[in-house]
Amino acid sequence: MTRTITTVNANEVALGVESFGDDDAPLVLLVGGTTMLSWPDALCECLAAGGRRVVRYDLRDSGASTTLDPEAPAYTLRDLAADAAALADALGGRPAHLAGIGVGGMVAQVAALDHPDAFSALTLVGTRAVAPGPADDDLPDHDQETMSRLFAHPMPDWSDREAVADFAAAGAEILGDDPVAARAVAARVWDRTPSTAPAVQMANQLGMVFSRLDCAPRWRERLPEIKLPTLVVHGRRDRFFPVGNGEAMAREIPGARLLVLEEAATAIPDAAAGEIAEAMLTPGQRTAQQ
């Protein structure tokens, strides 16, 4: 399978991208939870095998994308949404199937609302419809016991690759994800981070830049405006964004489908790649969970 890694200039920034599949196939654009490696290789390969050109990319201040100062980002959530629309245009000018995971799912929601003509379909994985910070009263917030355990775990020396990988593995175990897979991904993220500066490494590994972004105004109340075929995917065991967040988005976006992964937590397990790809490749088909 053809895979290429490069940078693309879009919305006046350079975005690191990796492409799978035929350049002439319909585009699936994957917004990571900061780095492109939030999306597993197995899912990208399944989508490409289904006749799509799959492009996953790094958000600003991560990976191969423009990195300035993650501790003081001079852009907003809506700028990141504009990046997605500009990247879809730069990659071929046709509407793309947009997918976002975690905080990347927030970017994808805003992009679909602000730039609907740039996209043909929307997939939201393990995310919610409110910005980082407290959840709305009717939405389940982070599991507090899990968060207490995460915050009790000391930060690593971000310049030490093995310490960072160990930290990621321990966090994955707390969240209910696969620690072996998390360790491998963290090492890959560390290797492709452009600097060993602690703030840059932390931004790549944890996505802490999102806590510093201007995410106003709210967008949850606008979800009924989304007219794109929408798939919401959520792990039943997700302790960071509990499944009620996905269920709420599926209710509030007209015609949205909900796919609940019974054995998944926060990350996408390789074992679920085929099921997710099949659902993404058949946007008009309702899933068994609805």
C-alpha atoms as a PDB file:
ATOM      1  CA  MET A   1       0.000   0.000   0.000  1.00  0.00           C
ATOM      2  CA  THR A   2       1.324   3.445  -0.953  1.00  0.00           C
ATOM      3  CA  ARG A   3       2.188   5.650   2.051  1.00  0.00           C
ATOM      4  CA  THR A   4       3.715   9.104   1.817  1.00  0.00           C
ATOM      5  CA  ILE A   5       4.730  11.620   4.504  1.00  0.00           C
ATOM      6  CA  THR A   6       5.090  15.305   3.699  1.00  0.00           C
ATOM      7  CA  THR A   7       3.988  18.801   4.749  1.00  0.00           C
ATOM      8  CA  VAL A   8       1.207  20.795   3.123  1.00  0.00           C
ATOM      9  CA  ASN A   9       0.736  24.549   3.421  1.00  0.00           C
ATOM     10  CA  ALA A  10      -2.840  25.372   4.397  1.00  0.00           C
ATOM     11  CA  ASN A  11      -4.365  28.407   6.106  1.00  0.00           C
ATOM     12  CA  GLU A  12      -0.893  30.017   6.278  1.00  0.00           C
ATOM     13  CA  VAL A  13       0.663  27.176   8.312  1.00  0.00           C
ATOM     14  CA  ALA A  14       2.557  24.012   7.411  1.00  0.00           C
ATOM     15  CA  LEU A  15       0.749  20.821   8.388  1.00  0.00           C
ATOM     16  CA  GLY A  16       2.488  17.462   8.608  1.00  0.00           C
ATOM     17  CA  VAL A  17       0.465  14.829   6.760  1.00  0.00           C
ATOM     18  CA  GLU A  18       0.684  11.130   6.009  1.00  0.00           C
ATOM     19  CA  SER A  19      -1.306   9.656   3.116  1.00  0.00           C
ATOM     20  CA  PHE A  20      -2.457   6.084   2.572  1.00  0.00           C
ATOM     21  CA  GLY A  21      -3.870   4.755  -0.694  1.00  0.00           C
ATOM     22  CA  ASP A  22      -4.624   6.168  -4.137  1.00  0.00           C
ATOM     23  CA  ASP A  23      -4.314   9.930  -4.556  1.00  0.00           C
ATOM     24  CA  ASP A  24      -7.344   9.942  -6.871  1.00  0.00           C
ATOM     25  CA  ALA A  25      -9.672   8.149  -4.427  1.00  0.00           C
ATOM     26  CA  PRO A  26     -12.251   9.988  -2.273  1.00  0.00           C
ATOM     27  CA  LEU A  27     -10.510  11.708   0.617  1.00  0.00           C
ATOM     28  CA  VAL A  28     -10.875  10.803   4.289  1.00  0.00           C
ATOM     29  CA  LEU A  29      -9.214  13.484   6.445  1.00  0.00           C
ATOM     30  CA  LEU A  30      -8.296  12.402   9.985  1.00  0.00           C
ATOM     31  CA  VAL A  31      -7.860  15.083  12.668  1.00  0.00           C
ATOM     32  CA  GLY A  32      -5.727  13.689  15.468  1.00  0.00           C
ATOM     33  CA  GLY A  33      -5.875  14.392  19.173  1.00  0.00           C
ATOM     34  CA  THR A  34      -2.869  16.667  18.463  1.00  0.00           C
ATOM     35  CA  THR A  35      -0.634  14.209  16.542  1.00  0.00           C
ATOM     36  CA  MET A  36      -1.621  12.092  13.563  1.00  0.00           C
ATOM     37  CA  LEU A  37      -0.662   8.942  15.503  1.00  0.00           C
ATOM     38  CA  SER A  38      -3.899   9.234  17.485  1.00  0.00           C
ATOM     39  CA  TRP A  39      -5.262   7.342  14.476  1.00  0.00           C
ATOM     40  CA  PRO A  40      -3.901   3.765  14.375  1.00  0.00           C
ATOM     41  CA  ASP A  41      -2.205   2.420  11.268  1.00  0.00           C
ATOM     42  CA  ALA A  42      -4.694  -0.481  11.185  1.00  0.00           C
ATOM     43  CA  LEU A  43      -7.691   1.820  10.712  1.00  0.00           C
ATOM     44  CA  CYS A  44      -5.928   3.932   8.072  1.00  0.00           C
ATOM     45  CA  GLU A  45      -5.031   0.779   6.149  1.00  0.00           C
ATOM     46  CA  CYS A  46      -8.588  -0.606   6.369  1.00  0.00           C
ATOM     47  CA  LEU A  47     -10.026   2.637   4.999  1.00  0.00           C
ATOM     48  CA  ALA A  48      -7.469   2.753   2.193  1.00  0.00           C
ATOM     49  CA  ALA A  49      -8.231  -0.876   1.329  1.00  0.00           C
ATOM     50  CA  GLY A  50     -11.870   0.210   1.056  1.00  0.00           C
ATOM     51  CA  GLY A  51     -11.007   2.558  -1.798  1.00  0.00           C
ATOM     52  CA  ARG A  52     -10.259   5.790   0.032  1.00  0.00           C
ATOM     53  CA  ARG A  53      -7.331   8.156   0.126  1.00  0.00           C
ATOM     54  CA  VAL A  54      -6.663   8.480   3.845  1.00  0.00           C
ATOM     55  CA  VAL A  55      -4.763  11.487   5.182  1.00  0.00           C
ATOM     56  CA  ARG A  56      -3.985  11.857   8.867  1.00  0.00           C
ATOM     57  CA  TYR A  57      -2.307  15.029  10.031  1.00  0.00           C
ATOM     58  CA  ASP A  58      -0.691  16.798  12.973  1.00  0.00           C
ATOM     59  CA  LEU A  59      -2.381  19.806  14.500  1.00  0.00           C
ATOM     60  CA  ARG A  60      -0.376  22.969  15.001  1.00  0.00           C
ATOM     61  CA  ASP A  61       2.333  22.743  17.657  1.00  0.00           C
ATOM     62  CA  SER A  62       2.734  19.001  17.166  1.00  0.00           C
ATOM     63  CA  GLY A  63       4.607  16.549  14.956  1.00  0.00           C
ATOM     64  CA  ALA A  64       5.740  17.919  11.618  1.00  0.00           C
ATOM     65  CA  SER A  65       3.299  20.842  11.676  1.00  0.00           C
ATOM     66  CA  THR A  66       4.186  24.452  12.431  1.00  0.00           C
ATOM     67  CA  THR A  67       5.415  24.605  16.024  1.00  0.00           C
ATOM     68  CA  LEU A  68       5.924  27.956  17.724  1.00  0.00           C
ATOM     69  CA  ASP A  69       5.051  28.159  21.424  1.00  0.00           C
ATOM     70  CA  PRO A  70       2.678  25.473  22.789  1.00  0.00           C
ATOM     71  CA  GLU A  71       2.551  27.293  26.128  1.00  0.00           C
ATOM     72  CA  ALA A  72       1.096  30.430  24.523  1.00  0.00           C
ATOM     73  CA  PRO A  73      -0.722  29.468  21.304  1.00  0.00           C
ATOM     74  CA  ALA A  74      -1.614  32.473  19.155  1.00  0.00           C
ATOM     75  CA  TYR A  75      -4.611  30.759  17.516  1.00  0.00           C
ATOM     76  CA  THR A  76      -8.067  29.507  18.470  1.00  0.00           C
ATOM     77  CA  LEU A  77     -10.113  26.351  18.126  1.00  0.00           C
ATOM     78  CA  ARG A  78     -11.749  27.952  15.102  1.00  0.00           C
ATOM     79  CA  ASP A  79      -8.375  28.503  13.474  1.00  0.00           C
ATOM     80  CA  LEU A  80      -7.736  24.761  13.812  1.00  0.00           C
ATOM     81  CA  ALA A  81     -11.129  24.136  12.206  1.00  0.00           C
ATOM     82  CA  ALA A  82     -10.167  26.465   9.358  1.00  0.00           C
ATOM     83  CA  ASP A  83      -6.920  24.499   8.977  1.00  0.00           C
ATOM     84  CA  ALA A  84      -8.947  21.331   8.331  1.00  0.00           C
ATOM     85  CA  ALA A  85     -11.051  22.999   5.647  1.00  0.00           C
ATOM     86  CA  ALA A  86      -8.007  24.565   3.978  1.00  0.00           C
ATOM     87  CA  LEU A  87      -6.151  21.238   4.073  1.00  0.00           C
ATOM     88  CA  ALA A  88      -9.072  19.427   2.428  1.00  0.00           C
ATOM     89  CA  ASP A  89      -9.003  22.027  -0.341  1.00  0.00           C
ATOM     90  CA  ALA A  90      -5.215  21.822  -0.743  1.00  0.00           C
ATOM     91  CA  LEU A  91      -5.389  18.046  -1.050  1.00  0.00           C
ATOM     92  CA  GLY A  92      -7.703  18.055  -4.016  1.00  0.00           C
ATOM     93  CA  GLY A  93     -10.452  20.611  -3.714  1.00  0.00           C
ATOM     94  CA  ARG A  94     -13.261  18.061  -3.322  1.00  0.00           C
ATOM     95  CA  PRO A  95     -15.338  17.679  -0.149  1.00  0.00           C
ATOM     96  CA  ALA A  96     -13.672  15.249   2.255  1.00  0.00           C
ATOM     97  CA  HIS A  97     -14.990  12.831   4.836  1.00  0.00           C
ATOM     98  CA  LEU A  98     -13.770  14.512   8.032  1.00  0.00           C
ATOM     99  CA  ALA A  99     -13.037  12.486  11.162  1.00  0.00           C
ATOM    100  CA  GLY A 100     -11.818  13.678  14.540  1.00  0.00           C
ATOM    101  CA  ILE A 101     -10.771  11.789  17.666  1.00  0.00           C
ATOM    102  CA  GLY A 102     -10.704  13.150  21.229  1.00  0.00           C
ATOM    103  CA  VAL A 103      -9.980  16.870  21.207  1.00  0.00           C
ATOM    104  CA  GLY A 104      -9.588  16.485  17.435  1.00  0.00           C
ATOM    105  CA  GLY A 105     -13.281  15.612  17.454  1.00  0.00           C
ATOM    106  CA  MET A 106     -13.967  19.082  18.825  1.00  0.00           C
ATOM    107  CA  VAL A 107     -12.021  20.566  15.919  1.00  0.00           C
ATOM    108  CA  ALA A 108     -14.030  18.398  13.519  1.00  0.00           C
ATOM    109  CA  GLN A 109     -17.383  19.513  14.938  1.00  0.00           C
ATOM    110  CA  VAL A 110     -16.488  23.186  14.607  1.00  0.00           C
ATOM    111  CA  ALA A 111     -15.070  22.616  11.117  1.00  0.00           C
ATOM    112  CA  ALA A 112     -18.292  20.930   9.995  1.00  0.00           C
ATOM    113  CA  LEU A 113     -20.317  23.856  11.348  1.00  0.00           C
ATOM    114  CA  ASP A 114     -18.099  26.676  10.080  1.00  0.00           C
ATOM    115  CA  HIS A 115     -17.067  25.129   6.731  1.00  0.00           C
ATOM    116  CA  PRO A 116     -19.826  22.681   5.736  1.00  0.00           C
ATOM    117  CA  ASP A 117     -19.076  22.857   2.002  1.00  0.00           C
ATOM    118  CA  ALA A 118     -15.568  21.502   2.576  1.00  0.00           C
ATOM    119  CA  PHE A 119     -16.829  18.150   3.844  1.00  0.00           C
ATOM    120  CA  SER A 120     -18.988  15.276   2.625  1.00  0.00           C
ATOM    121  CA  ALA A 121     -19.370  13.306   5.874  1.00  0.00           C
ATOM    122  CA  LEU A 122     -18.355  13.498   9.523  1.00  0.00           C
ATOM    123  CA  THR A 123     -17.074  10.912  12.000  1.00  0.00           C
ATOM    124  CA  LEU A 124     -16.583  11.765  15.675  1.00  0.00           C
ATOM    125  CA  VAL A 125     -14.636   9.331  17.855  1.00  0.00           C
ATOM    126  CA  GLY A 126     -14.330   9.448  21.644  1.00  0.00           C
ATOM    127  CA  THR A 127     -15.142  13.139  21.984  1.00  0.00           C
ATOM    128  CA  ARG A 128     -17.785  15.514  23.316  1.00  0.00           C
ATOM    129  CA  ALA A 129     -19.626  18.655  22.255  1.00  0.00           C
ATOM    130  CA  VAL A 130     -18.146  21.095  24.788  1.00  0.00           C
ATOM    131  CA  ALA A 131     -14.658  22.536  25.011  1.00  0.00           C
ATOM    132  CA  PRO A 132     -11.957  21.367  27.413  1.00  0.00           C
ATOM    133  CA  GLY A 133     -12.976  22.156  30.971  1.00  0.00           C
ATOM    134  CA  PRO A 134     -16.137  21.357  32.955  1.00  0.00           C
ATOM    135  CA  ALA A 135     -18.817  19.371  31.164  1.00  0.00           C
ATOM    136  CA  ASP A 136     -22.390  20.600  30.830  1.00  0.00           C
ATOM    137  CA  ASP A 137     -24.614  19.514  33.727  1.00  0.00           C
ATOM    138  CA  ASP A 138     -26.433  16.956  31.573  1.00  0.00           C
ATOM    139  CA  LEU A 139     -23.225  15.342  30.295  1.00  0.00           C
ATOM    140  CA  PRO A 140     -21.028  12.885  32.185  1.00  0.00           C
ATOM    141  CA  ASP A 141     -17.692  14.405  33.143  1.00  0.00           C
ATOM    142  CA  HIS A 142     -14.359  12.614  33.413  1.00  0.00           C
ATOM    143  CA  ASP A 143     -14.436   9.712  35.835  1.00  0.00           C
ATOM    144  CA  GLN A 144     -13.083  11.343  38.991  1.00  0.00           C
ATOM    145  CA  GLU A 145     -11.328   8.285  40.407  1.00  0.00           C
ATOM    146  CA  THR A 146      -9.547   7.815  37.088  1.00  0.00           C
ATOM    147  CA  MET A 147      -8.557  11.480  36.907  1.00  0.00           C
ATOM    148  CA  SER A 148      -7.242  11.388  40.475  1.00  0.00           C
ATOM    149  CA  ARG A 149      -5.040   8.431  39.594  1.00  0.00           C
ATOM    150  CA  LEU A 150      -3.815  10.159  36.424  1.00  0.00           C
ATOM    151  CA  PHE A 151      -2.921  13.386  38.246  1.00  0.00           C
ATOM    152  CA  ALA A 152      -1.225  11.466  41.044  1.00  0.00           C
ATOM    153  CA  HIS A 153       1.171   9.954  38.527  1.00  0.00           C
ATOM    154  CA  PRO A 154       4.301  12.183  38.354  1.00  0.00           C
ATOM    155  CA  MET A 155       5.221  13.801  35.074  1.00  0.00           C
ATOM    156  CA  PRO A 156       8.229  12.264  33.326  1.00  0.00           C
ATOM    157  CA  ASP A 157      11.436  13.864  32.182  1.00  0.00           C
ATOM    158  CA  TRP A 158      10.117  14.869  28.765  1.00  0.00           C
ATOM    159  CA  SER A 159      13.621  14.739  27.293  1.00  0.00           C
ATOM    160  CA  ASP A 160      13.900  11.016  28.199  1.00  0.00           C
ATOM    161  CA  ARG A 161      12.289   8.805  25.531  1.00  0.00           C
ATOM    162  CA  GLU A 162      11.964   5.742  27.751  1.00  0.00           C
ATOM    163  CA  ALA A 163      10.550   7.724  30.660  1.00  0.00           C
ATOM    164  CA  VAL A 164       7.925   9.237  28.369  1.00  0.00           C
ATOM    165  CA  ALA A 165       7.003   5.806  26.993  1.00  0.00           C
ATOM    166  CA  ASP A 166       6.706   4.429  30.541  1.00  0.00           C
ATOM    167  CA  PHE A 167       4.490   7.383  31.494  1.00  0.00           C
ATOM    168  CA  ALA A 168       2.207   6.767  28.517  1.00  0.00           C
ATOM    169  CA  ALA A 169       1.918   3.067  29.305  1.00  0.00           C
ATOM    170  CA  ALA A 170       0.993   3.777  32.928  1.00  0.00           C
ATOM    171  CA  GLY A 171      -1.617   6.322  31.857  1.00  0.00           C
ATOM    172  CA  ALA A 172      -3.124   3.903  29.354  1.00  0.00           C
ATOM    173  CA  GLU A 173      -3.488   1.255  32.032  1.00  0.00           C
ATOM    174  CA  ILE A 174      -5.334   3.746  34.255  1.00  0.00           C
ATOM    175  CA  LEU A 175      -7.644   4.699  31.371  1.00  0.00           C
ATOM    176  CA  GLY A 176      -8.348   1.078  30.453  1.00  0.00           C
ATOM    177  CA  ASP A 177      -6.378   1.158  27.200  1.00  0.00           C
ATOM    178  CA  ASP A 178      -3.625  -1.211  26.045  1.00  0.00           C
ATOM    179  CA  PRO A 179      -0.379  -0.139  27.782  1.00  0.00           C
ATOM    180  CA  VAL A 180       1.821  -1.996  25.280  1.00  0.00           C
ATOM    181  CA  ALA A 181       0.224  -0.169  22.344  1.00  0.00           C
ATOM    182  CA  ALA A 182       0.366   3.148  24.207  1.00  0.00           C
ATOM    183  CA  ARG A 183       4.063   2.692  24.935  1.00  0.00           C
ATOM    184  CA  ALA A 184       4.796   2.040  21.257  1.00  0.00           C
ATOM    185  CA  VAL A 185       2.799   5.047  20.088  1.00  0.00           C
ATOM    186  CA  ALA A 186       4.412   7.340  22.673  1.00  0.00           C
ATOM    187  CA  ALA A 187       7.864   6.291  21.474  1.00  0.00           C
ATOM    188  CA  ARG A 188       6.878   7.014  17.869  1.00  0.00           C
ATOM    189  CA  VAL A 189       5.448  10.407  18.876  1.00  0.00           C
ATOM    190  CA  TRP A 190       8.647  11.229  20.783  1.00  0.00           C
ATOM    191  CA  ASP A 191      10.789  10.276  17.776  1.00  0.00           C
ATOM    192  CA  ARG A 192       8.904  12.584  15.428  1.00  0.00           C
ATOM    193  CA  THR A 193       8.575  15.538  17.803  1.00  0.00           C
ATOM    194  CA  PRO A 194      10.756  18.347  16.395  1.00  0.00           C
ATOM    195  CA  SER A 195      12.267  19.356  19.741  1.00  0.00           C
ATOM    196  CA  THR A 196      13.185  17.852  23.108  1.00  0.00           C
ATOM    197  CA  ALA A 197      12.007  21.044  24.827  1.00  0.00           C
ATOM    198  CA  PRO A 198       9.680  19.910  27.631  1.00  0.00           C
ATOM    199  CA  ALA A 199       6.763  22.117  26.541  1.00  0.00           C
ATOM    200  CA  VAL A 200       6.922  20.793  22.981  1.00  0.00           C
ATOM    201  CA  GLN A 201       7.200  17.165  24.058  1.00  0.00           C
ATOM    202  CA  MET A 202       4.316  17.568  26.506  1.00  0.00           C
ATOM    203  CA  ALA A 203       2.151  19.186  23.819  1.00  0.00           C
ATOM    204  CA  ASN A 204       2.797  16.251  21.507  1.00  0.00           C
ATOM    205  CA  GLN A 205       2.146  13.592  24.125  1.00  0.00           C
ATOM    206  CA  LEU A 206      -0.716  15.121  26.119  1.00  0.00           C
ATOM    207  CA  GLY A 207      -2.295  17.776  23.927  1.00  0.00           C
ATOM    208  CA  MET A 208      -2.040  20.278  26.782  1.00  0.00           C
ATOM    209  CA  VAL A 209      -2.154  23.120  24.271  1.00  0.00           C
ATOM    210  CA  PHE A 210      -5.950  22.687  24.160  1.00  0.00           C
ATOM    211  CA  SER A 211      -6.287  23.870  27.746  1.00  0.00           C
ATOM    212  CA  ARG A 212      -4.828  27.203  26.634  1.00  0.00           C
ATOM    213  CA  LEU A 213      -6.916  27.761  23.499  1.00  0.00           C
ATOM    214  CA  ASP A 214      -9.757  30.213  23.080  1.00  0.00           C
ATOM    215  CA  CYS A 215     -12.647  27.821  22.379  1.00  0.00           C
ATOM    216  CA  ALA A 216     -15.448  30.401  22.469  1.00  0.00           C
ATOM    217  CA  PRO A 217     -18.195  30.703  21.453  1.00  0.00           C
ATOM    218  CA  ARG A 218     -19.901  27.436  22.416  1.00  0.00           C
ATOM    219  CA  TRP A 219     -20.967  25.176  19.581  1.00  0.00           C
ATOM    220  CA  ARG A 220     -23.075  22.438  21.193  1.00  0.00           C
ATOM    221  CA  GLU A 221     -26.277  24.394  20.604  1.00  0.00           C
ATOM    222  CA  ARG A 222     -25.434  24.491  16.876  1.00  0.00           C
ATOM    223  CA  LEU A 223     -25.144  20.717  16.445  1.00  0.00           C
ATOM    224  CA  PRO A 224     -28.655  20.507  14.879  1.00  0.00           C
ATOM    225  CA  GLU A 225     -27.263  22.640  12.016  1.00  0.00           C
ATOM    226  CA  ILE A 226     -24.979  19.793  10.895  1.00  0.00           C
ATOM    227  CA  LYS A 227     -26.432  18.292   7.724  1.00  0.00           C
ATOM    228  CA  LEU A 228     -23.548  15.950   6.885  1.00  0.00           C
ATOM    229  CA  PRO A 229     -24.001  12.189   7.260  1.00  0.00           C
ATOM    230  CA  THR A 230     -22.518  11.693  10.725  1.00  0.00           C
ATOM    231  CA  LEU A 231     -21.141   8.672  12.547  1.00  0.00           C
ATOM    232  CA  VAL A 232     -20.437   8.866  16.283  1.00  0.00           C
ATOM    233  CA  VAL A 233     -18.061   6.190  17.626  1.00  0.00           C
ATOM    234  CA  HIS A 234     -17.488   5.751  21.345  1.00  0.00           C
ATOM    235  CA  GLY A 235     -15.917   3.192  23.638  1.00  0.00           C
ATOM    236  CA  ARG A 236     -18.276   1.793  26.264  1.00  0.00           C
ATOM    237  CA  ARG A 237     -15.373   1.783  28.747  1.00  0.00           C
ATOM    238  CA  ASP A 238     -14.162   5.328  28.056  1.00  0.00           C
ATOM    239  CA  ARG A 239     -13.403   6.922  31.432  1.00  0.00           C
ATOM    240  CA  PHE A 240     -12.085  10.213  30.053  1.00  0.00           C
ATOM    241  CA  PHE A 241     -15.101  11.155  27.931  1.00  0.00           C
ATOM    242  CA  PRO A 242     -17.740   8.672  29.170  1.00  0.00           C
ATOM    243  CA  VAL A 243     -20.057   7.192  26.557  1.00  0.00           C
ATOM    244  CA  GLY A 244     -22.943   9.493  27.487  1.00  0.00           C
ATOM    245  CA  ASN A 245     -21.107  12.250  25.622  1.00  0.00           C
ATOM    246  CA  GLY A 246     -21.223  10.268  22.394  1.00  0.00           C
ATOM    247  CA  GLU A 247     -24.846   9.343  22.962  1.00  0.00           C
ATOM    248  CA  ALA A 248     -25.742  13.030  23.383  1.00  0.00           C
ATOM    249  CA  MET A 249     -24.007  14.034  20.140  1.00  0.00           C
ATOM    250  CA  ALA A 250     -25.766  11.239  18.258  1.00  0.00           C
ATOM    251  CA  ARG A 251     -29.128  12.538  19.543  1.00  0.00           C
ATOM    252  CA  GLU A 252     -28.410  16.184  18.773  1.00  0.00           C
ATOM    253  CA  ILE A 253     -26.936  15.854  15.258  1.00  0.00           C
ATOM    254  CA  PRO A 254     -29.815  15.109  12.862  1.00  0.00           C
ATOM    255  CA  GLY A 255     -29.717  11.556  11.527  1.00  0.00           C
ATOM    256  CA  ALA A 256     -26.427  10.710  13.244  1.00  0.00           C
ATOM    257  CA  ARG A 257     -25.557   7.048  13.792  1.00  0.00           C
ATOM    258  CA  LEU A 258     -24.023   5.743  16.996  1.00  0.00           C
ATOM    259  CA  LEU A 259     -21.493   2.922  17.071  1.00  0.00           C
ATOM    260  CA  VAL A 260     -20.586   1.859  20.603  1.00  0.00           C
ATOM    261  CA  LEU A 261     -17.470  -0.276  20.910  1.00  0.00           C
ATOM    262  CA  GLU A 262     -18.268  -2.496  23.870  1.00  0.00           C
ATOM    263  CA  GLU A 263     -14.668  -3.484  24.639  1.00  0.00           C
ATOM    264  CA  ALA A 264     -12.972  -0.139  23.913  1.00  0.00           C
ATOM    265  CA  ALA A 265     -11.961   2.664  26.267  1.00  0.00           C
ATOM    266  CA  THR A 266     -10.281   5.915  25.138  1.00  0.00           C
ATOM    267  CA  ALA A 267      -7.989   4.747  22.322  1.00  0.00           C
ATOM    268  CA  ILE A 268      -9.059   2.880  19.185  1.00  0.00           C
ATOM    269  CA  PRO A 269      -7.939  -0.741  19.557  1.00  0.00           C
ATOM    270  CA  ASP A 270      -6.594  -2.398  16.412  1.00  0.00           C
ATOM    271  CA  ALA A 271      -9.240  -5.103  16.859  1.00  0.00           C
ATOM    272  CA  ALA A 272     -11.949  -2.498  16.195  1.00  0.00           C
ATOM    273  CA  ALA A 273     -10.349  -1.059  13.035  1.00  0.00           C
ATOM    274  CA  GLY A 274     -12.363  -3.177  10.623  1.00  0.00           C
ATOM    275  CA  GLU A 275     -15.682  -2.429  12.325  1.00  0.00           C
ATOM    276  CA  ILE A 276     -15.050   1.303  12.387  1.00  0.00           C
ATOM    277  CA  ALA A 277     -13.822   1.365   8.788  1.00  0.00           C
ATOM    278  CA  GLU A 278     -16.904  -0.514   7.606  1.00  0.00           C
ATOM    279  CA  ALA A 279     -19.172   1.985   9.369  1.00  0.00           C
ATOM    280  CA  MET A 280     -17.259   4.953   7.928  1.00  0.00           C
ATOM    281  CA  LEU A 281     -17.356   3.500   4.407  1.00  0.00           C
ATOM    282  CA  THR A 282     -21.143   3.024   4.516  1.00  0.00           C
ATOM    283  CA  PRO A 283     -22.412   6.401   5.757  1.00  0.00           C
ATOM    284  CA  GLY A 284     -26.040   5.692   4.893  1.00  0.00           C
ATOM    285  CA  GLN A 285     -26.280   2.426   6.783  1.00  0.00           C
ATOM    286  CA  ARG A 286     -27.575   2.477  10.348  1.00  0.00           C
ATOM    287  CA  THR A 287     -25.507   0.600  12.899  1.00  0.00           C
ATOM    288  CA  ALA A 288     -26.805  -2.253  14.982  1.00  0.00           C
ATOM    289  CA  GLN A 289     -26.560  -0.272  18.216  1.00  0.00           C
ATOM    290  CA  GLN A 290     -29.336   2.136  17.201  1.00  0.00           C
END
